[in-house]
Amino acid sequence: MSETKQELSVTDLAVLKNIIDLACERGAFRGPELKTVGETYDKLTAFLAWVIAQAESQSQGETNA
């Protein structure tokens, strides 16, 4: 049995964020689940914002060098 390298990209995380949005719009979660879904969504949104800021900062650093 061969092992396959598993990867999760920033793009994958952005897709997951969109999936959460769509699921909420379509009423896929019950009331008691919404707190956990919302907290996870907020963490994911903050992480993606941080990754984007880091990429922009690195890009500006390379431009100034």
N, C-alpha and C. Protein backbone atom coordinates (compact mmCIF):
# COMPACT_ATOMS: atom_id res chain seq x y z
N MET A 1 0.84 -1.17 0.00
CA MET A 1 0.00 0.00 0.00
C MET A 1 0.89 1.24 0.00
N SER A 2 0.73 2.10 -0.98
CA SER A 2 1.57 3.28 -1.06
C SER A 2 0.94 4.44 -0.30
N GLU A 3 1.82 5.25 0.26
CA GLU A 3 1.35 6.42 0.99
C GLU A 3 1.32 7.61 0.04
N THR A 4 0.23 8.35 0.09
CA THR A 4 0.09 9.55 -0.72
C THR A 4 0.24 10.75 0.19
N LYS A 5 1.04 11.70 -0.26
CA LYS A 5 1.22 12.92 0.53
C LYS A 5 -0.09 13.71 0.55
N GLN A 6 -0.55 14.03 1.75
CA GLN A 6 -1.78 14.79 1.91
C GLN A 6 -1.45 16.26 2.07
N GLU A 7 -2.11 17.09 1.33
CA GLU A 7 -1.87 18.53 1.40
C GLU A 7 -3.19 19.28 1.53
N LEU A 8 -3.13 20.36 2.25
CA LEU A 8 -4.27 21.25 2.40
C LEU A 8 -3.75 22.66 2.11
N SER A 9 -4.24 23.27 1.05
CA SER A 9 -3.73 24.57 0.65
C SER A 9 -4.61 25.70 1.18
N VAL A 10 -4.12 26.90 1.05
CA VAL A 10 -4.90 28.08 1.43
C VAL A 10 -6.14 28.16 0.55
N THR A 11 -6.01 27.78 -0.69
CA THR A 11 -7.16 27.76 -1.59
C THR A 11 -8.22 26.78 -1.09
N ASP A 12 -7.78 25.62 -0.60
CA ASP A 12 -8.72 24.65 -0.03
C ASP A 12 -9.47 25.26 1.15
N LEU A 13 -8.75 26.01 1.99
CA LEU A 13 -9.39 26.64 3.15
C LEU A 13 -10.40 27.70 2.71
N ALA A 14 -10.08 28.45 1.67
CA ALA A 14 -11.02 29.44 1.15
C ALA A 14 -12.27 28.76 0.61
N VAL A 15 -12.10 27.61 -0.04
CA VAL A 15 -13.25 26.85 -0.54
C VAL A 15 -14.10 26.37 0.64
N LEU A 16 -13.47 25.90 1.70
CA LEU A 16 -14.21 25.47 2.89
C LEU A 16 -15.03 26.62 3.47
N LYS A 17 -14.45 27.81 3.49
CA LYS A 17 -15.17 28.99 3.97
C LYS A 17 -16.41 29.23 3.12
N ASN A 18 -16.28 29.09 1.81
CA ASN A 18 -17.43 29.26 0.92
C ASN A 18 -18.48 28.18 1.14
N ILE A 19 -18.02 26.97 1.41
CA ILE A 19 -18.96 25.87 1.69
C ILE A 19 -19.76 26.17 2.95
N ILE A 20 -19.11 26.70 3.98
CA ILE A 20 -19.82 27.06 5.21
C ILE A 20 -20.87 28.13 4.90
N ASP A 21 -20.48 29.14 4.11
CA ASP A 21 -21.44 30.19 3.72
C ASP A 21 -22.66 29.59 3.04
N LEU A 22 -22.43 28.75 2.05
CA LEU A 22 -23.55 28.14 1.32
C LEU A 22 -24.42 27.27 2.21
N ALA A 23 -23.79 26.48 3.07
CA ALA A 23 -24.55 25.60 3.96
C ALA A 23 -25.43 26.42 4.91
N CYS A 24 -24.90 27.54 5.39
CA CYS A 24 -25.70 28.40 6.28
C CYS A 24 -26.87 29.02 5.53
N GLU A 25 -26.61 29.48 4.31
CA GLU A 25 -27.68 30.07 3.51
C GLU A 25 -28.79 29.07 3.23
N ARG A 26 -28.42 27.81 3.10
CA ARG A 26 -29.40 26.77 2.76
C ARG A 26 -30.00 26.10 3.99
N GLY A 27 -29.64 26.57 5.18
CA GLY A 27 -30.22 26.05 6.40
C GLY A 27 -29.74 24.65 6.77
N ALA A 28 -28.49 24.36 6.49
CA ALA A 28 -27.96 23.01 6.73
C ALA A 28 -27.63 22.74 8.20
N PHE A 29 -27.56 23.77 9.01
CA PHE A 29 -27.18 23.60 10.41
C PHE A 29 -28.37 23.88 11.32
N ARG A 30 -28.42 23.14 12.42
CA ARG A 30 -29.45 23.38 13.44
C ARG A 30 -28.98 24.47 14.39
N GLY A 31 -29.90 25.09 15.06
CA GLY A 31 -29.59 26.19 15.97
C GLY A 31 -28.44 25.91 16.93
N PRO A 32 -28.45 24.79 17.66
CA PRO A 32 -27.39 24.53 18.61
C PRO A 32 -26.00 24.38 17.97
N GLU A 33 -25.96 24.09 16.69
CA GLU A 33 -24.69 23.91 15.99
C GLU A 33 -24.10 25.23 15.51
N LEU A 34 -24.92 26.26 15.46
CA LEU A 34 -24.49 27.52 14.85
C LEU A 34 -23.35 28.20 15.59
N LYS A 35 -23.29 28.07 16.90
CA LYS A 35 -22.20 28.68 17.65
C LYS A 35 -20.86 28.10 17.22
N THR A 36 -20.79 26.77 17.16
CA THR A 36 -19.55 26.11 16.75
C THR A 36 -19.20 26.43 15.31
N VAL A 37 -20.21 26.42 14.44
CA VAL A 37 -19.98 26.76 13.04
C VAL A 37 -19.47 28.19 12.92
N GLY A 38 -20.09 29.11 13.64
CA GLY A 38 -19.69 30.51 13.59
C GLY A 38 -18.28 30.74 14.13
N GLU A 39 -17.95 30.08 15.22
CA GLU A 39 -16.61 30.21 15.78
C GLU A 39 -15.56 29.68 14.81
N THR A 40 -15.85 28.55 14.20
CA THR A 40 -14.92 27.96 13.24
C THR A 40 -14.79 28.86 12.01
N TYR A 41 -15.90 29.40 11.55
CA TYR A 41 -15.90 30.31 10.41
C TYR A 41 -15.05 31.55 10.72
N ASP A 42 -15.22 32.10 11.92
CA ASP A 42 -14.44 33.28 12.31
C ASP A 42 -12.94 32.97 12.37
N LYS A 43 -12.58 31.80 12.90
CA LYS A 43 -11.17 31.41 12.94
C LYS A 43 -10.60 31.26 11.54
N LEU A 44 -11.36 30.64 10.67
CA LEU A 44 -10.93 30.44 9.29
C LEU A 44 -10.77 31.76 8.57
N THR A 45 -11.73 32.66 8.76
CA THR A 45 -11.66 33.98 8.14
C THR A 45 -10.44 34.76 8.63
N ALA A 46 -10.18 34.73 9.94
CA ALA A 46 -9.02 35.42 10.50
C ALA A 46 -7.72 34.82 9.98
N PHE A 47 -7.65 33.50 9.89
CA PHE A 47 -6.44 32.85 9.39
C PHE A 47 -6.19 33.22 7.93
N LEU A 48 -7.24 33.20 7.11
CA LEU A 48 -7.07 33.56 5.71
C LEU A 48 -6.65 35.02 5.55
N ALA A 49 -7.19 35.91 6.37
CA ALA A 49 -6.78 37.32 6.34
C ALA A 49 -5.31 37.46 6.72
N TRP A 50 -4.88 36.68 7.71
CA TRP A 50 -3.48 36.71 8.14
C TRP A 50 -2.56 36.21 7.02
N VAL A 51 -2.95 35.13 6.35
CA VAL A 51 -2.15 34.58 5.26
C VAL A 51 -2.03 35.60 4.13
N ILE A 52 -3.13 36.25 3.80
CA ILE A 52 -3.11 37.27 2.74
C ILE A 52 -2.21 38.43 3.13
N ALA A 53 -2.30 38.88 4.39
CA ALA A 53 -1.45 39.98 4.86
C ALA A 53 0.03 39.59 4.81
N GLN A 54 0.33 38.35 5.19
CA GLN A 54 1.72 37.88 5.15
C GLN A 54 2.24 37.85 3.71
N ALA A 55 1.41 37.38 2.79
CA ALA A 55 1.80 37.31 1.39
C ALA A 55 2.02 38.71 0.82
N GLU A 56 1.14 39.65 1.17
CA GLU A 56 1.29 41.02 0.69
C GLU A 56 2.54 41.66 1.28
N SER A 57 2.80 41.41 2.55
CA SER A 57 3.99 41.95 3.20
C SER A 57 5.26 41.40 2.56
N GLN A 58 5.26 40.12 2.29
CA GLN A 58 6.42 39.49 1.65
C GLN A 58 6.61 40.04 0.24
N SER A 59 5.50 40.22 -0.47
CA SER A 59 5.55 40.74 -1.83
C SER A 59 6.10 42.17 -1.84
N GLN A 60 5.68 42.99 -0.88
CA GLN A 60 6.18 44.36 -0.80
C GLN A 60 7.65 44.38 -0.42
N GLY A 61 8.07 43.47 0.43
CA GLY A 61 9.47 43.37 0.82
C GLY A 61 10.35 43.01 -0.36
N GLU A 62 9.88 42.13 -1.23
CA GLU A 62 10.63 41.73 -2.41
C GLU A 62 10.68 42.87 -3.42
N THR A 63 9.61 43.66 -3.50
CA THR A 63 9.57 44.79 -4.43
C THR A 63 10.53 45.88 -3.98
N ASN A 64 10.66 46.10 -2.68
CA ASN A 64 11.53 47.13 -2.15
C ASN A 64 12.98 46.73 -2.16
N ALA A 65 13.26 45.45 -2.28
CA ALA A 65 14.66 44.97 -2.23
C ALA A 65 15.39 45.19 -3.51
